[in-house]
Amino acid sequence: MTLSEATELLAYLSRFDNRRPSAAAAEAWSRALADVPLDADTKAAVDAFYGSIPLGGEGYQADRSRWMQPHHLRYHRQQIRKARADLAPPYTGVGGDVRQELVAARQHAAAAASGRLPPAPALPLPGDRPRFETTTRGAALVRAAARVPSRRPELKAPCPYCRATAGAPCRNRRGPLGTIHDVRLRAAQDLADGRTPPSADQLAAEQEQRRAASAAALTTRKDPA
């Protein structure tokens, strides 16, 4: 926030609390909010602060104690942007290296918080049978990502364990997971190195061979003759 923006902000605040803006106050606010611009979200944070009920209720002496400080503005602005970002579509990757993914993820988060992304469509019910649906944001994003093919490099290979297709998240009996099976990570590395990753049937055959070898080894130990 520049000095001129801080001066304009203090003038806007004075409409609510009758404070007397000064050059010293504008300089202090400009330093405290150096990374916060004077935009619609900033003024909406002021409106939210003075339009909300004080935490202390009627005994808080709201008329004399409601005095917005820079940390109040920062908090309410973050809440406004977080609520907007929660409604945006999930980030599904760009298919680049780690640095490119981090840059793209930050750009996606900033666009979602500022309202430049359209809200995510409502999640459809999974079939006609009624089932419990959690309302936590993390599970909602996982379910949404299950319908959007991801370009993350570790999801380019199908999962030999849960048989998830390329671009889809790993699954269990309850639905999509937020983690990736280890065998899929190895399959993605094989694919990146030009090797053919093992299929689900090959993985099952290898596991059966290991079980048979373990059973044979236990039998040999019990009966050395």
C-alpha atoms as a PDB file:
ATOM      1  CA  MET A   1       0.000   0.000   0.000  1.00  0.00           C
ATOM      2  CA  THR A   2       1.418   3.328  -1.047  1.00  0.00           C
ATOM      3  CA  LEU A   3       1.305   6.464   1.057  1.00  0.00           C
ATOM      4  CA  SER A   4      -1.444   7.966  -1.077  1.00  0.00           C
ATOM      5  CA  GLU A   5      -3.480   4.763  -0.828  1.00  0.00           C
ATOM      6  CA  ALA A   6      -3.071   4.747   2.961  1.00  0.00           C
ATOM      7  CA  THR A   7      -4.293   8.349   3.088  1.00  0.00           C
ATOM      8  CA  GLU A   8      -7.369   7.405   1.051  1.00  0.00           C
ATOM      9  CA  LEU A   9      -7.964   4.365   3.260  1.00  0.00           C
ATOM     10  CA  LEU A  10      -7.849   6.432   6.462  1.00  0.00           C
ATOM     11  CA  ALA A  11     -10.337   8.860   4.951  1.00  0.00           C
ATOM     12  CA  TYR A  12     -12.622   5.887   4.233  1.00  0.00           C
ATOM     13  CA  LEU A  13     -12.189   4.613   7.802  1.00  0.00           C
ATOM     14  CA  SER A  14     -13.101   8.022   9.223  1.00  0.00           C
ATOM     15  CA  ARG A  15     -16.586   7.614   7.798  1.00  0.00           C
ATOM     16  CA  PHE A  16     -17.146   4.797  10.298  1.00  0.00           C
ATOM     17  CA  ASP A  17     -15.255   5.801  13.441  1.00  0.00           C
ATOM     18  CA  ASN A  18     -14.760   9.570  13.029  1.00  0.00           C
ATOM     19  CA  ARG A  19     -10.990   9.255  13.369  1.00  0.00           C
ATOM     20  CA  ARG A  20      -8.801  12.188  12.337  1.00  0.00           C
ATOM     21  CA  PRO A  21      -6.367  11.052   9.637  1.00  0.00           C
ATOM     22  CA  SER A  22      -2.850  12.468   9.718  1.00  0.00           C
ATOM     23  CA  ALA A  23       0.316  12.185   7.670  1.00  0.00           C
ATOM     24  CA  ALA A  24       1.994  10.171  10.440  1.00  0.00           C
ATOM     25  CA  ALA A  25      -0.914   7.720  10.593  1.00  0.00           C
ATOM     26  CA  ALA A  26      -0.901   7.325   6.809  1.00  0.00           C
ATOM     27  CA  GLU A  27       2.822   6.525   6.861  1.00  0.00           C
ATOM     28  CA  ALA A  28       2.350   3.945   9.626  1.00  0.00           C
ATOM     29  CA  TRP A  29      -0.533   2.230   7.818  1.00  0.00           C
ATOM     30  CA  SER A  30       1.454   2.250   4.581  1.00  0.00           C
ATOM     31  CA  ARG A  31       4.337   0.438   6.274  1.00  0.00           C
ATOM     32  CA  ALA A  32       2.145  -2.050   8.147  1.00  0.00           C
ATOM     33  CA  LEU A  33       0.217  -2.934   4.978  1.00  0.00           C
ATOM     34  CA  ALA A  34       3.041  -2.659   2.461  1.00  0.00           C
ATOM     35  CA  ASP A  35       1.945  -5.883   0.726  1.00  0.00           C
ATOM     36  CA  VAL A  36      -1.795  -5.061   0.741  1.00  0.00           C
ATOM     37  CA  PRO A  37      -3.193  -2.926  -2.101  1.00  0.00           C
ATOM     38  CA  LEU A  38      -6.122  -0.557  -1.755  1.00  0.00           C
ATOM     39  CA  ASP A  39      -8.681  -2.498  -3.775  1.00  0.00           C
ATOM     40  CA  ALA A  40     -12.287  -3.616  -3.487  1.00  0.00           C
ATOM     41  CA  ASP A  41     -11.332  -6.420  -1.083  1.00  0.00           C
ATOM     42  CA  THR A  42      -9.614  -3.948   1.246  1.00  0.00           C
ATOM     43  CA  LYS A  43     -12.676  -1.713   1.434  1.00  0.00           C
ATOM     44  CA  ALA A  44     -14.897  -4.782   1.811  1.00  0.00           C
ATOM     45  CA  ALA A  45     -12.752  -5.778   4.814  1.00  0.00           C
ATOM     46  CA  VAL A  46     -13.457  -2.394   6.392  1.00  0.00           C
ATOM     47  CA  ASP A  47     -17.177  -2.845   5.768  1.00  0.00           C
ATOM     48  CA  ALA A  48     -17.047  -6.345   7.277  1.00  0.00           C
ATOM     49  CA  PHE A  49     -15.244  -5.129  10.399  1.00  0.00           C
ATOM     50  CA  TYR A  50     -17.653  -2.318  11.162  1.00  0.00           C
ATOM     51  CA  GLY A  51     -20.667  -4.327  10.065  1.00  0.00           C
ATOM     52  CA  SER A  52     -19.964  -7.316  12.337  1.00  0.00           C
ATOM     53  CA  ILE A  53     -21.005  -7.877  15.939  1.00  0.00           C
ATOM     54  CA  PRO A  54     -18.138  -7.320  18.436  1.00  0.00           C
ATOM     55  CA  LEU A  55     -16.757 -10.462  20.035  1.00  0.00           C
ATOM     56  CA  GLY A  56     -17.643  -9.199  23.493  1.00  0.00           C
ATOM     57  CA  GLY A  57     -21.333  -8.710  22.765  1.00  0.00           C
ATOM     58  CA  GLU A  58     -23.258  -5.883  24.397  1.00  0.00           C
ATOM     59  CA  GLY A  59     -20.685  -5.461  27.174  1.00  0.00           C
ATOM     60  CA  TYR A  60     -17.949  -4.711  24.668  1.00  0.00           C
ATOM     61  CA  GLN A  61     -18.796  -0.995  24.527  1.00  0.00           C
ATOM     62  CA  ALA A  62     -18.847  -1.126  20.752  1.00  0.00           C
ATOM     63  CA  ASP A  63     -19.399   2.590  20.201  1.00  0.00           C
ATOM     64  CA  ARG A  64     -16.128   3.490  21.928  1.00  0.00           C
ATOM     65  CA  SER A  65     -13.976   0.392  21.344  1.00  0.00           C
ATOM     66  CA  ARG A  66     -14.534  -0.451  17.682  1.00  0.00           C
ATOM     67  CA  TRP A  67     -11.385   1.034  16.182  1.00  0.00           C
ATOM     68  CA  MET A  68      -9.906  -0.716  13.180  1.00  0.00           C
ATOM     69  CA  GLN A  69      -6.177  -1.389  13.166  1.00  0.00           C
ATOM     70  CA  PRO A  70      -4.007  -2.748  10.313  1.00  0.00           C
ATOM     71  CA  HIS A  71      -4.116  -6.315  11.648  1.00  0.00           C
ATOM     72  CA  HIS A  72      -7.930  -6.194  11.688  1.00  0.00           C
ATOM     73  CA  LEU A  73      -7.971  -5.175   8.036  1.00  0.00           C
ATOM     74  CA  ARG A  74      -5.475  -7.867   7.080  1.00  0.00           C
ATOM     75  CA  TYR A  75      -7.524 -10.567   8.836  1.00  0.00           C
ATOM     76  CA  HIS A  76     -10.887  -9.616   7.323  1.00  0.00           C
ATOM     77  CA  ARG A  77      -9.367  -9.233   3.861  1.00  0.00           C
ATOM     78  CA  GLN A  78      -7.837 -12.719   4.095  1.00  0.00           C
ATOM     79  CA  GLN A  79     -11.200 -14.159   5.150  1.00  0.00           C
ATOM     80  CA  ILE A  80     -12.945 -12.546   2.176  1.00  0.00           C
ATOM     81  CA  ARG A  81     -10.392 -13.895  -0.273  1.00  0.00           C
ATOM     82  CA  LYS A  82     -10.320 -17.334   1.362  1.00  0.00           C
ATOM     83  CA  ALA A  83     -14.108 -17.648   1.087  1.00  0.00           C
ATOM     84  CA  ARG A  84     -13.881 -16.788  -2.612  1.00  0.00           C
ATOM     85  CA  ALA A  85     -11.017 -19.217  -3.206  1.00  0.00           C
ATOM     86  CA  ASP A  86     -12.955 -22.048  -1.550  1.00  0.00           C
ATOM     87  CA  LEU A  87     -15.560 -21.804  -4.326  1.00  0.00           C
ATOM     88  CA  ALA A  88     -13.046 -21.904  -7.201  1.00  0.00           C
ATOM     89  CA  PRO A  89     -12.163 -25.056  -9.174  1.00  0.00           C
ATOM     90  CA  PRO A  90      -9.275 -27.124  -7.788  1.00  0.00           C
ATOM     91  CA  TYR A  91      -5.764 -26.833  -9.188  1.00  0.00           C
ATOM     92  CA  THR A  92      -4.960 -29.866 -11.348  1.00  0.00           C
ATOM     93  CA  GLY A  93      -1.398 -29.146 -12.453  1.00  0.00           C
ATOM     94  CA  VAL A  94       0.311 -27.999 -15.650  1.00  0.00           C
ATOM     95  CA  GLY A  95       2.517 -31.012 -16.281  1.00  0.00           C
ATOM     96  CA  GLY A  96       5.790 -29.184 -15.589  1.00  0.00           C
ATOM     97  CA  ASP A  97       8.661 -29.600 -13.190  1.00  0.00           C
ATOM     98  CA  VAL A  98       8.485 -28.724  -9.502  1.00  0.00           C
ATOM     99  CA  ARG A  99       9.313 -25.035  -9.987  1.00  0.00           C
ATOM    100  CA  GLN A 100       6.748 -24.635 -12.776  1.00  0.00           C
ATOM    101  CA  GLU A 101       4.106 -26.394 -10.695  1.00  0.00           C
ATOM    102  CA  LEU A 102       4.751 -24.107  -7.709  1.00  0.00           C
ATOM    103  CA  VAL A 103       4.521 -20.969  -9.844  1.00  0.00           C
ATOM    104  CA  ALA A 104       1.340 -22.186 -11.540  1.00  0.00           C
ATOM    105  CA  ALA A 105      -0.197 -23.180  -8.195  1.00  0.00           C
ATOM    106  CA  ARG A 106       0.503 -19.712  -6.737  1.00  0.00           C
ATOM    107  CA  GLN A 107      -0.980 -18.046  -9.813  1.00  0.00           C
ATOM    108  CA  HIS A 108      -4.069 -20.247  -9.581  1.00  0.00           C
ATOM    109  CA  ALA A 109      -4.498 -19.449  -5.873  1.00  0.00           C
ATOM    110  CA  ALA A 110      -4.160 -15.701  -6.510  1.00  0.00           C
ATOM    111  CA  ALA A 111      -6.650 -15.812  -9.368  1.00  0.00           C
ATOM    112  CA  ALA A 112      -9.117 -17.796  -7.257  1.00  0.00           C
ATOM    113  CA  ALA A 113      -8.834 -15.411  -4.291  1.00  0.00           C
ATOM    114  CA  SER A 114      -9.282 -12.318  -6.467  1.00  0.00           C
ATOM    115  CA  GLY A 115     -12.358 -13.731  -8.216  1.00  0.00           C
ATOM    116  CA  ARG A 116     -10.803 -14.129 -11.671  1.00  0.00           C
ATOM    117  CA  LEU A 117     -11.833 -17.797 -11.780  1.00  0.00           C
ATOM    118  CA  PRO A 118     -15.466 -18.884 -12.152  1.00  0.00           C
ATOM    119  CA  PRO A 119     -16.927 -20.842  -9.211  1.00  0.00           C
ATOM    120  CA  ALA A 120     -16.592 -24.591  -9.412  1.00  0.00           C
ATOM    121  CA  PRO A 121     -19.769 -26.394 -10.533  1.00  0.00           C
ATOM    122  CA  ALA A 122     -21.799 -28.133  -7.883  1.00  0.00           C
ATOM    123  CA  LEU A 123     -20.681 -31.700  -7.249  1.00  0.00           C
ATOM    124  CA  PRO A 124     -23.243 -34.208  -8.550  1.00  0.00           C
ATOM    125  CA  LEU A 125     -24.517 -36.950  -6.318  1.00  0.00           C
ATOM    126  CA  PRO A 126     -22.713 -40.271  -6.911  1.00  0.00           C
ATOM    127  CA  GLY A 127     -25.638 -42.225  -8.352  1.00  0.00           C
ATOM    128  CA  ASP A 128     -29.227 -42.477  -7.248  1.00  0.00           C
ATOM    129  CA  ARG A 129     -28.503 -44.195  -3.948  1.00  0.00           C
ATOM    130  CA  PRO A 130     -28.367 -41.852  -0.962  1.00  0.00           C
ATOM    131  CA  ARG A 131     -24.965 -41.857   0.722  1.00  0.00           C
ATOM    132  CA  PHE A 132     -23.177 -39.789   3.323  1.00  0.00           C
ATOM    133  CA  GLU A 133     -21.447 -36.753   1.789  1.00  0.00           C
ATOM    134  CA  THR A 134     -18.822 -34.927   3.819  1.00  0.00           C
ATOM    135  CA  THR A 135     -18.803 -31.136   3.654  1.00  0.00           C
ATOM    136  CA  THR A 136     -15.103 -30.571   4.303  1.00  0.00           C
ATOM    137  CA  ARG A 137     -13.312 -28.650   1.578  1.00  0.00           C
ATOM    138  CA  GLY A 138     -10.498 -31.167   1.213  1.00  0.00           C
ATOM    139  CA  ALA A 139     -12.811 -34.095   0.425  1.00  0.00           C
ATOM    140  CA  ALA A 140     -14.839 -31.930  -1.951  1.00  0.00           C
ATOM    141  CA  LEU A 141     -11.712 -30.984  -3.873  1.00  0.00           C
ATOM    142  CA  VAL A 142     -10.624 -34.615  -4.096  1.00  0.00           C
ATOM    143  CA  ARG A 143     -14.012 -35.597  -5.508  1.00  0.00           C
ATOM    144  CA  ALA A 144     -13.909 -32.709  -7.954  1.00  0.00           C
ATOM    145  CA  ALA A 145     -10.365 -33.577  -9.052  1.00  0.00           C
ATOM    146  CA  ALA A 146     -11.505 -37.132  -9.739  1.00  0.00           C
ATOM    147  CA  ARG A 147     -13.578 -35.797 -12.633  1.00  0.00           C
ATOM    148  CA  VAL A 148     -10.853 -33.505 -14.034  1.00  0.00           C
ATOM    149  CA  PRO A 149      -7.902 -35.321 -15.664  1.00  0.00           C
ATOM    150  CA  SER A 150      -4.761 -34.120 -13.939  1.00  0.00           C
ATOM    151  CA  ARG A 151      -1.560 -33.167 -15.735  1.00  0.00           C
ATOM    152  CA  ARG A 152       0.644 -33.854 -12.735  1.00  0.00           C
ATOM    153  CA  PRO A 153       3.613 -35.961 -13.905  1.00  0.00           C
ATOM    154  CA  GLU A 154       3.162 -38.565 -11.162  1.00  0.00           C
ATOM    155  CA  LEU A 155      -0.384 -39.258 -12.422  1.00  0.00           C
ATOM    156  CA  LYS A 156       0.543 -39.799 -16.068  1.00  0.00           C
ATOM    157  CA  ALA A 157       0.781 -43.556 -15.520  1.00  0.00           C
ATOM    158  CA  PRO A 158      -2.233 -45.701 -14.521  1.00  0.00           C
ATOM    159  CA  CYS A 159      -2.066 -47.083 -11.002  1.00  0.00           C
ATOM    160  CA  PRO A 160      -1.237 -50.809 -11.018  1.00  0.00           C
ATOM    161  CA  TYR A 161      -2.562 -51.135  -7.455  1.00  0.00           C
ATOM    162  CA  CYS A 162      -6.028 -49.529  -7.543  1.00  0.00           C
ATOM    163  CA  ARG A 163      -6.323 -49.537 -11.365  1.00  0.00           C
ATOM    164  CA  ALA A 164      -6.960 -45.766 -11.541  1.00  0.00           C
ATOM    165  CA  THR A 165      -6.640 -44.496 -15.103  1.00  0.00           C
ATOM    166  CA  ALA A 166      -3.968 -42.018 -16.212  1.00  0.00           C
ATOM    167  CA  GLY A 167      -4.765 -38.517 -14.938  1.00  0.00           C
ATOM    168  CA  ALA A 168      -7.221 -39.771 -12.302  1.00  0.00           C
ATOM    169  CA  PRO A 169      -6.359 -39.875  -8.588  1.00  0.00           C
ATOM    170  CA  CYS A 170      -5.727 -43.122  -6.766  1.00  0.00           C
ATOM    171  CA  ARG A 171      -8.776 -44.671  -5.108  1.00  0.00           C
ATOM    172  CA  ASN A 172      -9.894 -47.037  -2.404  1.00  0.00           C
ATOM    173  CA  ARG A 173     -13.305 -48.523  -1.675  1.00  0.00           C
ATOM    174  CA  ARG A 174     -14.562 -45.209  -0.293  1.00  0.00           C
ATOM    175  CA  GLY A 175     -13.550 -43.082  -3.270  1.00  0.00           C
ATOM    176  CA  PRO A 176     -10.664 -40.894  -4.515  1.00  0.00           C
ATOM    177  CA  LEU A 177      -7.595 -40.486  -2.321  1.00  0.00           C
ATOM    178  CA  GLY A 178      -5.511 -37.415  -1.646  1.00  0.00           C
ATOM    179  CA  THR A 179      -2.331 -39.534  -1.769  1.00  0.00           C
ATOM    180  CA  ILE A 180      -0.660 -41.646  -4.460  1.00  0.00           C
ATOM    181  CA  HIS A 181       0.212 -45.331  -4.130  1.00  0.00           C
ATOM    182  CA  ASP A 182       3.956 -46.012  -4.059  1.00  0.00           C
ATOM    183  CA  VAL A 183       3.746 -48.477  -6.925  1.00  0.00           C
ATOM    184  CA  ARG A 184       2.184 -45.765  -9.079  1.00  0.00           C
ATOM    185  CA  LEU A 185       5.067 -43.418  -8.357  1.00  0.00           C
ATOM    186  CA  ARG A 186       7.441 -46.122  -9.557  1.00  0.00           C
ATOM    187  CA  ALA A 187       5.282 -46.661 -12.645  1.00  0.00           C
ATOM    188  CA  ALA A 188       5.344 -42.933 -13.424  1.00  0.00           C
ATOM    189  CA  GLN A 189       9.140 -42.939 -13.096  1.00  0.00           C
ATOM    190  CA  ASP A 190       9.350 -45.942 -15.456  1.00  0.00           C
ATOM    191  CA  LEU A 191       7.169 -44.075 -17.955  1.00  0.00           C
ATOM    192  CA  ALA A 192       9.330 -40.951 -17.692  1.00  0.00           C
ATOM    193  CA  ASP A 193      12.483 -43.056 -18.246  1.00  0.00           C
ATOM    194  CA  GLY A 194      11.029 -44.673 -21.371  1.00  0.00           C
ATOM    195  CA  ARG A 195      10.302 -48.037 -19.732  1.00  0.00           C
ATOM    196  CA  THR A 196       6.957 -49.828 -19.815  1.00  0.00           C
ATOM    197  CA  PRO A 197       5.378 -49.674 -16.340  1.00  0.00           C
ATOM    198  CA  PRO A 198       3.949 -52.904 -14.921  1.00  0.00           C
ATOM    199  CA  SER A 199       0.255 -53.548 -15.370  1.00  0.00           C
ATOM    200  CA  ALA A 200      -2.139 -54.412 -12.570  1.00  0.00           C
ATOM    201  CA  ASP A 201      -2.133 -58.088 -13.633  1.00  0.00           C
ATOM    202  CA  GLN A 202       1.671 -58.190 -13.644  1.00  0.00           C
ATOM    203  CA  LEU A 203       1.779 -56.604 -10.209  1.00  0.00           C
ATOM    204  CA  ALA A 204      -0.720 -59.160  -8.878  1.00  0.00           C
ATOM    205  CA  ALA A 205       1.352 -62.000 -10.364  1.00  0.00           C
ATOM    206  CA  GLU A 206       4.535 -60.636  -8.747  1.00  0.00           C
ATOM    207  CA  GLN A 207       2.815 -60.379  -5.379  1.00  0.00           C
ATOM    208  CA  GLU A 208       1.561 -63.935  -5.693  1.00  0.00           C
ATOM    209  CA  GLN A 209       5.090 -65.113  -6.485  1.00  0.00           C
ATOM    210  CA  ARG A 210       6.433 -63.342  -3.399  1.00  0.00           C
ATOM    211  CA  ARG A 211       3.754 -64.952  -1.214  1.00  0.00           C
ATOM    212  CA  ALA A 212       4.586 -68.398  -2.627  1.00  0.00           C
ATOM    213  CA  ALA A 213       8.299 -67.842  -2.078  1.00  0.00           C
ATOM    214  CA  SER A 214       7.692 -66.685   1.507  1.00  0.00           C
ATOM    215  CA  ALA A 215       5.485 -69.699   2.226  1.00  0.00           C
ATOM    216  CA  ALA A 216       8.129 -72.025   0.785  1.00  0.00           C
ATOM    217  CA  ALA A 217      10.844 -70.414   2.885  1.00  0.00           C
ATOM    218  CA  LEU A 218       8.766 -70.831   6.063  1.00  0.00           C
ATOM    219  CA  THR A 219       8.122 -74.480   5.223  1.00  0.00           C
ATOM    220  CA  THR A 220      11.848 -75.105   4.697  1.00  0.00           C
ATOM    221  CA  ARG A 221      12.682 -73.553   8.096  1.00  0.00           C
ATOM    222  CA  LYS A 222      10.100 -75.682   9.889  1.00  0.00           C
ATOM    223  CA  ASP A 223      11.191 -78.912   8.160  1.00  0.00           C
ATOM    224  CA  PRO A 224      14.942 -78.735   7.301  1.00  0.00           C
ATOM    225  CA  ALA A 225      15.007 -82.402   6.319  1.00  0.00           C
END
